[in-house]
Amino acid sequence: ISILIGMVTAVDMPTRQAFIVHMVEGKDDLSNAIVLNSSMV
């Protein structure tokens, strides 16, 4: 199960990171969005 979770994560992780810039509609608040994401983690 750990291997299977890792395989899904390999797709999820870069997609989620690249998706952030679309959710904040540009780069003005991108750094803040990335840091807040880290705060959530």
Full PDB file with SEQRES, HELIX, SHEET, SSBOND, CRYST1, ORIGX, SCALE, CONECT and MASTER records, all heavy atoms in Angstrom:
SEQRES   1 A   41  ILE SER ILE LEU ILE GLY MET VAL THR ALA VAL ASP MET          
SEQRES   2 A   41  PRO THR ARG GLN ALA PHE ILE VAL HIS MET VAL GLU GLY          
SEQRES   3 A   41  LYS ASP ASP LEU SER ASN ALA ILE VAL LEU ASN SER SER          
SEQRES   4 A   41  MET VAL                                                      
HELIX    1 AA1 SER A    2  MET A   23  1                                  22    
HELIX    2 AA2 LEU A   30  MET A   40  1                                  11    
CRYST1    1.000    1.000    1.000  90.00  90.00  90.00 P 1           1          
ORIGX1      1.000000  0.000000  0.000000        0.00000                         
ORIGX2      0.000000  1.000000  0.000000        0.00000                         
ORIGX3      0.000000  0.000000  1.000000        0.00000                         
SCALE1      1.000000  0.000000  0.000000        0.00000                         
SCALE2      0.000000  1.000000  0.000000        0.00000                         
SCALE3      0.000000  0.000000  1.000000        0.00000                         
ATOM      1  N   ILE A   1       0.833  -1.207   0.000  1.00  0.00           N  
ATOM      2  CA  ILE A   1       0.000   0.000   0.000  1.00  0.00           C  
ATOM      3  C   ILE A   1       0.864   1.251   0.000  1.00  0.00           C  
ATOM      4  O   ILE A   1       0.520   2.259  -0.646  1.00  0.00           O  
ATOM      5  CB  ILE A   1      -0.972  -0.023   1.198  1.00  0.00           C  
ATOM      6  CG1 ILE A   1      -2.009  -1.141   1.002  1.00  0.00           C  
ATOM      7  CG2 ILE A   1      -1.674   1.325   1.364  1.00  0.00           C  
ATOM      8  CD1 ILE A   1      -2.947  -1.347   2.169  1.00  0.00           C  
ATOM      9  N   SER A   2       2.000   1.211   0.673  1.00  0.00           N  
ATOM     10  CA  SER A   2       2.907   2.358   0.672  1.00  0.00           C  
ATOM     11  C   SER A   2       3.426   2.648  -0.735  1.00  0.00           C  
ATOM     12  O   SER A   2       3.517   3.809  -1.154  1.00  0.00           O  
ATOM     13  CB  SER A   2       4.081   2.100   1.621  1.00  0.00           C  
ATOM     14  OG  SER A   2       3.643   2.013   2.957  1.00  0.00           O  
ATOM     15  N   ILE A   3       3.744   1.604  -1.487  1.00  0.00           N  
ATOM     16  CA  ILE A   3       4.209   1.777  -2.873  1.00  0.00           C  
ATOM     17  C   ILE A   3       3.108   2.404  -3.723  1.00  0.00           C  
ATOM     18  O   ILE A   3       3.350   3.331  -4.512  1.00  0.00           O  
ATOM     19  CB  ILE A   3       4.659   0.433  -3.464  1.00  0.00           C  
ATOM     20  CG1 ILE A   3       5.949  -0.044  -2.795  1.00  0.00           C  
ATOM     21  CG2 ILE A   3       4.870   0.545  -4.978  1.00  0.00           C  
ATOM     22  CD1 ILE A   3       6.348  -1.461  -3.159  1.00  0.00           C  
ATOM     23  N   LEU A   4       1.878   1.898  -3.581  1.00  0.00           N  
ATOM     24  CA  LEU A   4       0.758   2.423  -4.367  1.00  0.00           C  
ATOM     25  C   LEU A   4       0.473   3.882  -4.021  1.00  0.00           C  
ATOM     26  O   LEU A   4       0.208   4.704  -4.915  1.00  0.00           O  
ATOM     27  CB  LEU A   4      -0.486   1.558  -4.132  1.00  0.00           C  
ATOM     28  CG  LEU A   4      -0.415   0.127  -4.666  1.00  0.00           C  
ATOM     29  CD1 LEU A   4      -1.646  -0.665  -4.247  1.00  0.00           C  
ATOM     30  CD2 LEU A   4      -0.282   0.123  -6.190  1.00  0.00           C  
ATOM     31  N   ILE A   5       0.530   4.221  -2.736  1.00  0.00           N  
ATOM     32  CA  ILE A   5       0.334   5.617  -2.327  1.00  0.00           C  
ATOM     33  C   ILE A   5       1.434   6.496  -2.930  1.00  0.00           C  
ATOM     34  O   ILE A   5       1.176   7.616  -3.398  1.00  0.00           O  
ATOM     35  CB  ILE A   5       0.318   5.735  -0.791  1.00  0.00           C  
ATOM     36  CG1 ILE A   5      -0.986   5.150  -0.230  1.00  0.00           C  
ATOM     37  CG2 ILE A   5       0.476   7.193  -0.342  1.00  0.00           C  
ATOM     38  CD1 ILE A   5      -1.067   5.122   1.280  1.00  0.00           C  
ATOM     39  N   GLY A   6       2.662   5.993  -2.958  1.00  0.00           N  
ATOM     40  CA  GLY A   6       3.762   6.733  -3.553  1.00  0.00           C  
ATOM     41  C   GLY A   6       3.551   6.994  -5.038  1.00  0.00           C  
ATOM     42  O   GLY A   6       3.869   8.072  -5.552  1.00  0.00           O  
ATOM     43  N   MET A   7       2.980   6.015  -5.746  1.00  0.00           N  
ATOM     44  CA  MET A   7       2.725   6.171  -7.179  1.00  0.00           C  
ATOM     45  C   MET A   7       1.680   7.260  -7.429  1.00  0.00           C  
ATOM     46  O   MET A   7       1.818   8.073  -8.344  1.00  0.00           O  
ATOM     47  CB  MET A   7       2.267   4.838  -7.761  1.00  0.00           C  
ATOM     48  CG  MET A   7       3.353   3.769  -7.771  1.00  0.00           C  
ATOM     49  SD  MET A   7       2.750   2.131  -8.254  1.00  0.00           S  
ATOM     50  CE  MET A   7       2.362   2.425  -9.987  1.00  0.00           C  
ATOM     51  N   VAL A   8       0.646   7.285  -6.615  1.00  0.00           N  
ATOM     52  CA  VAL A   8      -0.380   8.327  -6.755  1.00  0.00           C  
ATOM     53  C   VAL A   8       0.198   9.696  -6.394  1.00  0.00           C  
ATOM     54  O   VAL A   8      -0.072  10.698  -7.060  1.00  0.00           O  
ATOM     55  CB  VAL A   8      -1.608   8.002  -5.876  1.00  0.00           C  
ATOM     56  CG1 VAL A   8      -2.661   9.102  -6.005  1.00  0.00           C  
ATOM     57  CG2 VAL A   8      -2.211   6.653  -6.259  1.00  0.00           C  
ATOM     58  N   THR A   9       1.018   9.728  -5.359  1.00  0.00           N  
ATOM     59  CA  THR A   9       1.643  10.989  -4.929  1.00  0.00           C  
ATOM     60  C   THR A   9       2.515  11.575  -6.033  1.00  0.00           C  
ATOM     61  O   THR A   9       2.617  12.801  -6.169  1.00  0.00           O  
ATOM     62  CB  THR A   9       2.487  10.758  -3.662  1.00  0.00           C  
ATOM     63  OG1 THR A   9       1.657  10.216  -2.633  1.00  0.00           O  
ATOM     64  CG2 THR A   9       3.113  12.057  -3.164  1.00  0.00           C  
ATOM     65  N   ALA A  10       3.136  10.716  -6.833  1.00  0.00           N  
ATOM     66  CA  ALA A  10       4.004  11.174  -7.918  1.00  0.00           C  
ATOM     67  C   ALA A  10       3.239  12.013  -8.943  1.00  0.00           C  
ATOM     68  O   ALA A  10       3.829  12.869  -9.616  1.00  0.00           O  
ATOM     69  CB  ALA A  10       4.650   9.977  -8.612  1.00  0.00           C  
ATOM     70  N   VAL A  11       1.948  11.787  -9.059  1.00  0.00           N  
ATOM     71  CA  VAL A  11       1.107  12.601  -9.938  1.00  0.00           C  
ATOM     72  C   VAL A  11       0.485  13.770  -9.171  1.00  0.00           C  
ATOM     73  O   VAL A  11       0.431  14.890  -9.664  1.00  0.00           O  
ATOM     74  CB  VAL A  11      -0.006  11.739 -10.583  1.00  0.00           C  
ATOM     75  CG1 VAL A  11      -0.913  12.600 -11.463  1.00  0.00           C  
ATOM     76  CG2 VAL A  11       0.598  10.600 -11.395  1.00  0.00           C  
ATOM     77  N   ASP A  12       0.053  13.503  -7.957  1.00  0.00           N  
ATOM     78  CA  ASP A  12      -0.652  14.512  -7.160  1.00  0.00           C  
ATOM     79  C   ASP A  12       0.240  15.693  -6.796  1.00  0.00           C  
ATOM     80  O   ASP A  12      -0.192  16.854  -6.883  1.00  0.00           O  
ATOM     81  CB  ASP A  12      -1.189  13.847  -5.886  1.00  0.00           C  
ATOM     82  CG  ASP A  12      -1.943  14.812  -4.993  1.00  0.00           C  
ATOM     83  OD1 ASP A  12      -3.152  15.006  -5.237  1.00  0.00           O  
ATOM     84  OD2 ASP A  12      -1.335  15.375  -4.061  1.00  0.00           O  
ATOM     85  N   MET A  13       1.471  15.435  -6.404  1.00  0.00           N  
ATOM     86  CA  MET A  13       2.324  16.492  -5.852  1.00  0.00           C  
ATOM     87  C   MET A  13       2.648  17.594  -6.858  1.00  0.00           C  
ATOM     88  O   MET A  13       2.393  18.785  -6.578  1.00  0.00           O  
ATOM     89  CB  MET A  13       3.604  15.882  -5.275  1.00  0.00           C  
ATOM     90  CG  MET A  13       4.469  16.877  -4.528  1.00  0.00           C  
ATOM     91  SD  MET A  13       5.909  16.104  -3.768  1.00  0.00           S  
ATOM     92  CE  MET A  13       5.132  15.167  -2.452  1.00  0.00           C  
ATOM     93  N   PRO A  14       3.180  17.281  -8.058  1.00  0.00           N  
ATOM     94  CA  PRO A  14       3.463  18.383  -8.993  1.00  0.00           C  
ATOM     95  C   PRO A  14       2.196  19.058  -9.497  1.00  0.00           C  
ATOM     96  O   PRO A  14       2.201  20.263  -9.782  1.00  0.00           O  
ATOM     97  CB  PRO A  14       4.207  17.686 -10.138  1.00  0.00           C  
ATOM     98  CG  PRO A  14       3.818  16.256 -10.056  1.00  0.00           C  
ATOM     99  CD  PRO A  14       3.608  15.989  -8.586  1.00  0.00           C  
ATOM    100  N   THR A  15       1.105  18.294  -9.604  1.00  0.00           N  
ATOM    101  CA  THR A  15      -0.159  18.890 -10.058  1.00  0.00           C  
ATOM    102  C   THR A  15      -0.660  19.902  -9.044  1.00  0.00           C  
ATOM    103  O   THR A  15      -1.084  21.015  -9.398  1.00  0.00           O  
ATOM    104  CB  THR A  15      -1.221  17.793 -10.262  1.00  0.00           C  
ATOM    105  OG1 THR A  15      -0.715  16.798 -11.155  1.00  0.00           O  
ATOM    106  CG2 THR A  15      -2.494  18.376 -10.849  1.00  0.00           C  
ATOM    107  N   ARG A  16      -0.616  19.542  -7.774  1.00  0.00           N  
ATOM    108  CA  ARG A  16      -1.088  20.434  -6.715  1.00  0.00           C  
ATOM    109  C   ARG A  16      -0.221  21.690  -6.635  1.00  0.00           C  
ATOM    110  O   ARG A  16      -0.732  22.804  -6.462  1.00  0.00           O  
ATOM    111  CB  ARG A  16      -1.080  19.679  -5.376  1.00  0.00           C  
ATOM    112  CG  ARG A  16      -1.871  20.325  -4.281  1.00  0.00           C  
ATOM    113  CD  ARG A  16      -2.297  19.347  -3.200  1.00  0.00           C  
ATOM    114  NE  ARG A  16      -1.502  18.144  -3.126  1.00  0.00           N  
ATOM    115  CZ  ARG A  16      -0.418  18.013  -2.385  1.00  0.00           C  
ATOM    116  NH1 ARG A  16       0.012  19.031  -1.676  1.00  0.00           N  
ATOM    117  NH2 ARG A  16       0.235  16.855  -2.361  1.00  0.00           N  
ATOM    118  N   GLN A  17       1.097  21.511  -6.757  1.00  0.00           N  
ATOM    119  CA  GLN A  17       1.992  22.672  -6.700  1.00  0.00           C  
ATOM    120  C   GLN A  17       1.739  23.620  -7.870  1.00  0.00           C  
ATOM    121  O   GLN A  17       1.684  24.845  -7.698  1.00  0.00           O  
ATOM    122  CB  GLN A  17       3.451  22.200  -6.717  1.00  0.00           C  
ATOM    123  CG  GLN A  17       3.881  21.421  -5.492  1.00  0.00           C  
ATOM    124  CD  GLN A  17       4.061  22.300  -4.268  1.00  0.00           C  
ATOM    125  OE1 GLN A  17       4.085  23.518  -4.384  1.00  0.00           O  
ATOM    126  NE2 GLN A  17       4.167  21.688  -3.109  1.00  0.00           N  
ATOM    127  N   ALA A  18       1.582  23.059  -9.071  1.00  0.00           N  
ATOM    128  CA  ALA A  18       1.357  23.892 -10.257  1.00  0.00           C  
ATOM    129  C   ALA A  18      -0.027  24.520 -10.263  1.00  0.00           C  
ATOM    130  O   ALA A  18      -0.252  25.542 -10.921  1.00  0.00           O  
ATOM    131  CB  ALA A  18       1.559  23.055 -11.521  1.00  0.00           C  
ATOM    132  N   PHE A  19      -0.976  23.919  -9.553  1.00  0.00           N  
ATOM    133  CA  PHE A  19      -2.353  24.410  -9.519  1.00  0.00           C  
ATOM    134  C   PHE A  19      -2.490  25.678  -8.687  1.00  0.00           C  
ATOM    135  O   PHE A  19      -3.395  26.490  -8.910  1.00  0.00           O  
ATOM    136  CB  PHE A  19      -3.262  23.305  -8.949  1.00  0.00           C  
ATOM    137  CG  PHE A  19      -4.736  23.550  -9.134  1.00  0.00           C  
ATOM    138  CD1 PHE A  19      -5.234  24.164 -10.270  1.00  0.00           C  
ATOM    139  CD2 PHE A  19      -5.640  23.142  -8.163  1.00  0.00           C  
ATOM    140  CE1 PHE A  19      -6.591  24.376 -10.447  1.00  0.00           C  
ATOM    141  CE2 PHE A  19      -7.006  23.350  -8.324  1.00  0.00           C  
ATOM    142  CZ  PHE A  19      -7.487  23.965  -9.463  1.00  0.00           C  
ATOM    143  N   ILE A  20      -1.584  25.882  -7.733  1.00  0.00           N  
ATOM    144  CA  ILE A  20      -1.689  27.035  -6.826  1.00  0.00           C  
ATOM    145  C   ILE A  20      -1.697  28.346  -7.589  1.00  0.00           C  
ATOM    146  O   ILE A  20      -2.481  29.254  -7.289  1.00  0.00           O  
ATOM    147  CB  ILE A  20      -0.543  27.008  -5.786  1.00  0.00           C  
ATOM    148  CG1 ILE A  20      -0.747  25.857  -4.796  1.00  0.00           C  
ATOM    149  CG2 ILE A  20      -0.478  28.336  -5.027  1.00  0.00           C  
ATOM    150  CD1 ILE A  20       0.359  25.716  -3.771  1.00  0.00           C  
ATOM    151  N   VAL A  21      -0.839  28.476  -8.604  1.00  0.00           N  
ATOM    152  CA  VAL A  21      -0.743  29.740  -9.336  1.00  0.00           C  
ATOM    153  C   VAL A  21      -2.051  30.065 -10.047  1.00  0.00           C  
ATOM    154  O   VAL A  21      -2.411  31.235 -10.224  1.00  0.00           O  
ATOM    155  CB  VAL A  21       0.434  29.714 -10.338  1.00  0.00           C  
ATOM    156  CG1 VAL A  21       0.135  28.798 -11.511  1.00  0.00           C  
ATOM    157  CG2 VAL A  21       0.766  31.125 -10.822  1.00  0.00           C  
ATOM    158  N   HIS A  22      -2.820  29.057 -10.439  1.00  0.00           N  
ATOM    159  CA  HIS A  22      -4.114  29.297 -11.083  1.00  0.00           C  
ATOM    160  C   HIS A  22      -5.167  29.733 -10.071  1.00  0.00           C  
ATOM    161  O   HIS A  22      -6.051  30.528 -10.390  1.00  0.00           O  
ATOM    162  CB  HIS A  22      -4.581  28.024 -11.794  1.00  0.00           C  
ATOM    163  CG  HIS A  22      -3.693  27.589 -12.913  1.00  0.00           C  
ATOM    164  ND1 HIS A  22      -3.731  28.170 -14.163  1.00  0.00           N  
ATOM    165  CD2 HIS A  22      -2.725  26.641 -12.974  1.00  0.00           C  
ATOM    166  CE1 HIS A  22      -2.832  27.604 -14.952  1.00  0.00           C  
ATOM    167  NE2 HIS A  22      -2.210  26.668 -14.250  1.00  0.00           N  
ATOM    168  N   MET A  23      -5.068  29.225  -8.865  1.00  0.00           N  
ATOM    169  CA  MET A  23      -6.070  29.552  -7.846  1.00  0.00           C  
ATOM    170  C   MET A  23      -5.914  30.963  -7.296  1.00  0.00           C  
ATOM    171  O   MET A  23      -6.873  31.556  -6.817  1.00  0.00           O  
ATOM    172  CB  MET A  23      -6.018  28.532  -6.700  1.00  0.00           C  
ATOM    173  CG  MET A  23      -6.571  27.171  -7.084  1.00  0.00           C  
ATOM    174  SD  MET A  23      -6.720  26.064  -5.662  1.00  0.00           S  
ATOM    175  CE  MET A  23      -4.999  25.676  -5.364  1.00  0.00           C  
ATOM    176  N   VAL A  24      -4.695  31.517  -7.358  1.00  0.00           N  
ATOM    177  CA  VAL A  24      -4.503  32.883  -6.872  1.00  0.00           C  
ATOM    178  C   VAL A  24      -4.471  33.888  -8.019  1.00  0.00           C  
ATOM    179  O   VAL A  24      -4.187  35.068  -7.815  1.00  0.00           O  
ATOM    180  CB  VAL A  24      -3.204  33.016  -6.029  1.00  0.00           C  
ATOM    181  CG1 VAL A  24      -3.292  32.174  -4.783  1.00  0.00           C  
ATOM    182  CG2 VAL A  24      -1.974  32.649  -6.845  1.00  0.00           C  
ATOM    183  N   GLU A  25      -4.757  33.398  -9.231  1.00  0.00           N  
ATOM    184  CA  GLU A  25      -4.934  34.262 -10.406  1.00  0.00           C  
ATOM    185  C   GLU A  25      -3.726  35.171 -10.649  1.00  0.00           C  
ATOM    186  O   GLU A  25      -3.845  36.394 -10.697  1.00  0.00           O  
ATOM    187  CB  GLU A  25      -6.214  35.098 -10.248  1.00  0.00           C  
ATOM    188  CG  GLU A  25      -7.469  34.248 -10.086  1.00  0.00           C  
ATOM    189  CD  GLU A  25      -8.648  35.050  -9.566  1.00  0.00           C  
ATOM    190  OE1 GLU A  25      -8.548  36.288  -9.559  1.00  0.00           O  
ATOM    191  OE2 GLU A  25      -9.639  34.431  -9.158  1.00  0.00           O  
ATOM    192  N   GLY A  26      -2.582  34.582 -10.785  1.00  0.00           N  
ATOM    193  CA  GLY A  26      -1.372  35.350 -11.051  1.00  0.00           C  
ATOM    194  C   GLY A  26      -0.340  35.187  -9.953  1.00  0.00           C  
ATOM    195  O   GLY A  26      -0.523  34.441  -9.014  1.00  0.00           O  
ATOM    196  N   LYS A  27       0.752  35.944 -10.094  1.00  0.00           N  
ATOM    197  CA  LYS A  27       1.890  35.755  -9.192  1.00  0.00           C  
ATOM    198  C   LYS A  27       1.960  36.753  -8.040  1.00  0.00           C  
ATOM    199  O   LYS A  27       2.813  36.613  -7.167  1.00  0.00           O  
ATOM    200  CB  LYS A  27       3.198  35.835  -9.985  1.00  0.00           C  
ATOM    201  CG  LYS A  27       3.467  34.605 -10.845  1.00  0.00           C  
ATOM    202  CD  LYS A  27       4.852  34.673 -11.447  1.00  0.00           C  
ATOM    203  CE  LYS A  27       5.194  33.394 -12.205  1.00  0.00           C  
ATOM    204  NZ  LYS A  27       6.547  33.441 -12.777  1.00  0.00           N  
ATOM    205  N   ASP A  28       1.075  37.744  -8.005  1.00  0.00           N  
ATOM    206  CA  ASP A  28       1.187  38.769  -6.970  1.00  0.00           C  
ATOM    207  C   ASP A  28       1.111  38.180  -5.568  1.00  0.00           C  
ATOM    208  O   ASP A  28       1.825  38.605  -4.658  1.00  0.00           O  
ATOM    209  CB  ASP A  28       0.078  39.815  -7.149  1.00  0.00           C  
ATOM    210  CG  ASP A  28       0.305  40.694  -8.373  1.00  0.00           C  
ATOM    211  OD1 ASP A  28       1.441  40.672  -8.895  1.00  0.00           O  
ATOM    212  OD2 ASP A  28      -0.626  41.379  -8.807  1.00  0.00           O  
ATOM    213  N   ASP A  29       0.220  37.206  -5.387  1.00  0.00           N  
ATOM    214  CA  ASP A  29       0.053  36.591  -4.068  1.00  0.00           C  
ATOM    215  C   ASP A  29       0.537  35.144  -4.044  1.00  0.00           C  
ATOM    216  O   ASP A  29       0.192  34.389  -3.134  1.00  0.00           O  
ATOM    217  CB  ASP A  29      -1.426  36.651  -3.647  1.00  0.00           C  
ATOM    218  CG  ASP A  29      -1.912  38.074  -3.443  1.00  0.00           C  
ATOM    219  OD1 ASP A  29      -1.131  38.882  -2.904  1.00  0.00           O  
ATOM    220  OD2 ASP A  29      -3.049  38.383  -3.832  1.00  0.00           O  
ATOM    221  N   LEU A  30       1.334  34.768  -5.064  1.00  0.00           N  
ATOM    222  CA  LEU A  30       1.785  33.378  -5.155  1.00  0.00           C  
ATOM    223  C   LEU A  30       2.656  32.989  -3.972  1.00  0.00           C  
ATOM    224  O   LEU A  30       2.474  31.920  -3.382  1.00  0.00           O  
ATOM    225  CB  LEU A  30       2.556  33.156  -6.466  1.00  0.00           C  
ATOM    226  CG  LEU A  30       3.163  31.757  -6.671  1.00  0.00           C  
ATOM    227  CD1 LEU A  30       2.076  30.692  -6.664  1.00  0.00           C  
ATOM    228  CD2 LEU A  30       3.965  31.713  -7.970  1.00  0.00           C  
ATOM    229  N   SER A  31       3.615  33.845  -3.604  1.00  0.00           N  
ATOM    230  CA  SER A  31       4.507  33.493  -2.496  1.00  0.00           C  
ATOM    231  C   SER A  31       3.717  33.320  -1.209  1.00  0.00           C  
ATOM    232  O   SER A  31       3.985  32.403  -0.414  1.00  0.00           O  
ATOM    233  CB  SER A  31       5.592  34.557  -2.318  1.00  0.00           C  
ATOM    234  OG  SER A  31       5.010  35.813  -1.998  1.00  0.00           O  
ATOM    235  N   ASN A  32       2.711  34.180  -0.989  1.00  0.00           N  
ATOM    236  CA  ASN A  32       1.896  34.068   0.206  1.00  0.00           C  
ATOM    237  C   ASN A  32       1.076  32.779   0.191  1.00  0.00           C  
ATOM    238  O   ASN A  32       0.931  32.111   1.223  1.00  0.00           O  
ATOM    239  CB  ASN A  32       0.962  35.281   0.321  1.00  0.00           C  
ATOM    240  CG  ASN A  32       0.169  35.288   1.605  1.00  0.00           C  
ATOM    241  OD1 ASN A  32      -1.033  35.049   1.598  1.00  0.00           O  
ATOM    242  ND2 ASN A  32       0.827  35.557   2.723  1.00  0.00           N  
ATOM    243  N   ALA A  33       0.558  32.403  -0.980  1.00  0.00           N  
ATOM    244  CA  ALA A  33      -0.225  31.168  -1.098  1.00  0.00           C  
ATOM    245  C   ALA A  33       0.634  29.945  -0.798  1.00  0.00           C  
ATOM    246  O   ALA A  33       0.199  29.012  -0.119  1.00  0.00           O  
ATOM    247  CB  ALA A  33      -0.827  31.059  -2.500  1.00  0.00           C  
ATOM    248  N   ILE A  34       1.881  29.944  -1.299  1.00  0.00           N  
ATOM    249  CA  ILE A  34       2.782  28.814  -1.060  1.00  0.00           C  
ATOM    250  C   ILE A  34       3.114  28.709   0.424  1.00  0.00           C  
ATOM    251  O   ILE A  34       3.106  27.619   1.008  1.00  0.00           O  
ATOM    252  CB  ILE A  34       4.078  28.976  -1.888  1.00  0.00           C  
ATOM    253  CG1 ILE A  34       3.758  28.819  -3.384  1.00  0.00           C  
ATOM    254  CG2 ILE A  34       5.131  27.952  -1.469  1.00  0.00           C  
ATOM    255  CD1 ILE A  34       4.909  29.185  -4.289  1.00  0.00           C  
ATOM    256  N   VAL A  35       3.364  29.862   1.056  1.00  0.00           N  
ATOM    257  CA  VAL A  35       3.695  29.857   2.480  1.00  0.00           C  
ATOM    258  C   VAL A  35       2.492  29.436   3.325  1.00  0.00           C  
ATOM    259  O   VAL A  35       2.625  28.676   4.287  1.00  0.00           O  
ATOM    260  CB  VAL A  35       4.206  31.249   2.911  1.00  0.00           C  
ATOM    261  CG1 VAL A  35       4.298  31.337   4.422  1.00  0.00           C  
ATOM    262  CG2 VAL A  35       5.580  31.521   2.291  1.00  0.00           C  
ATOM    263  N   LEU A  36       1.293  29.907   2.961  1.00  0.00           N  
ATOM    264  CA  LEU A  36       0.093  29.505   3.698  1.00  0.00           C  
ATOM    265  C   LEU A  36      -0.168  28.013   3.532  1.00  0.00           C  
ATOM    266  O   LEU A  36      -0.638  27.349   4.458  1.00  0.00           O  
ATOM    267  CB  LEU A  36      -1.115  30.310   3.225  1.00  0.00           C  
ATOM    268  CG  LEU A  36      -1.153  31.782   3.626  1.00  0.00           C  
ATOM    269  CD1 LEU A  36      -2.444  32.435   3.145  1.00  0.00           C  
ATOM    270  CD2 LEU A  36      -1.016  31.948   5.135  1.00  0.00           C  
ATOM    271  N   ASN A  37       0.149  27.493   2.348  1.00  0.00           N  
ATOM    272  CA  ASN A  37       0.028  26.048   2.140  1.00  0.00           C  
ATOM    273  C   ASN A  37       0.969  25.302   3.077  1.00  0.00           C  
ATOM    274  O   ASN A  37       0.606  24.287   3.676  1.00  0.00           O  
ATOM    275  CB  ASN A  37       0.337  25.701   0.683  1.00  0.00           C  
ATOM    276  CG  ASN A  37      -0.030  24.275   0.337  1.00  0.00           C  
ATOM    277  OD1 ASN A  37      -1.193  23.895   0.393  1.00  0.00           O  
ATOM    278  ND2 ASN A  37       0.968  23.478  -0.001  1.00  0.00           N  
ATOM    279  N   SER A  38       2.181  25.836   3.225  1.00  0.00           N  
ATOM    280  CA  SER A  38       3.134  25.250   4.162  1.00  0.00           C  
ATOM    281  C   SER A  38       2.623  25.375   5.593  1.00  0.00           C  
ATOM    282  O   SER A  38       2.798  24.454   6.408  1.00  0.00           O  
ATOM    283  CB  SER A  38       4.492  25.948   4.028  1.00  0.00           C  
ATOM    284  OG  SER A  38       5.415  25.443   4.965  1.00  0.00           O  
ATOM    285  N   SER A  39       1.970  26.501   5.907  1.00  0.00           N  
ATOM    286  CA  SER A  39       1.407  26.690   7.249  1.00  0.00           C  
ATOM    287  C   SER A  39       0.349  25.635   7.542  1.00  0.00           C  
ATOM    288  O   SER A  39       0.269  25.113   8.659  1.00  0.00           O  
ATOM    289  CB  SER A  39       0.773  28.077   7.383  1.00  0.00           C  
ATOM    290  OG  SER A  39       1.731  29.083   7.207  1.00  0.00           O  
ATOM    291  N   MET A  40      -0.467  25.317   6.521  1.00  0.00           N  
ATOM    292  CA  MET A  40      -1.491  24.287   6.702  1.00  0.00           C  
ATOM    293  C   MET A  40      -0.862  22.930   6.976  1.00  0.00           C  
ATOM    294  O   MET A  40      -1.302  22.193   7.864  1.00  0.00           O  
ATOM    295  CB  MET A  40      -2.379  24.198   5.463  1.00  0.00           C  
ATOM    296  CG  MET A  40      -3.353  25.332   5.299  1.00  0.00           C  
ATOM    297  SD  MET A  40      -4.578  24.976   4.029  1.00  0.00           S  
ATOM    298  CE  MET A  40      -3.549  24.834   2.573  1.00  0.00           C  
ATOM    299  N   VAL A  41       0.181  22.615   6.204  1.00  0.00           N  
ATOM    300  CA  VAL A  41       0.870  21.335   6.398  1.00  0.00           C  
ATOM    301  C   VAL A  41       1.398  21.236   7.817  1.00  0.00           C  
ATOM    302  O   VAL A  41       1.254  20.203   8.492  1.00  0.00           O  
ATOM    303  CB  VAL A  41       2.022  21.175   5.383  1.00  0.00           C  
ATOM    304  CG1 VAL A  41       2.856  19.940   5.704  1.00  0.00           C  
ATOM    305  CG2 VAL A  41       1.472  21.084   3.966  1.00  0.00           C  
TER     306      VAL A  41                                                      
MASTER        0    0    0    2    0    0    0    6  305    1    0    4          
END                                                                             
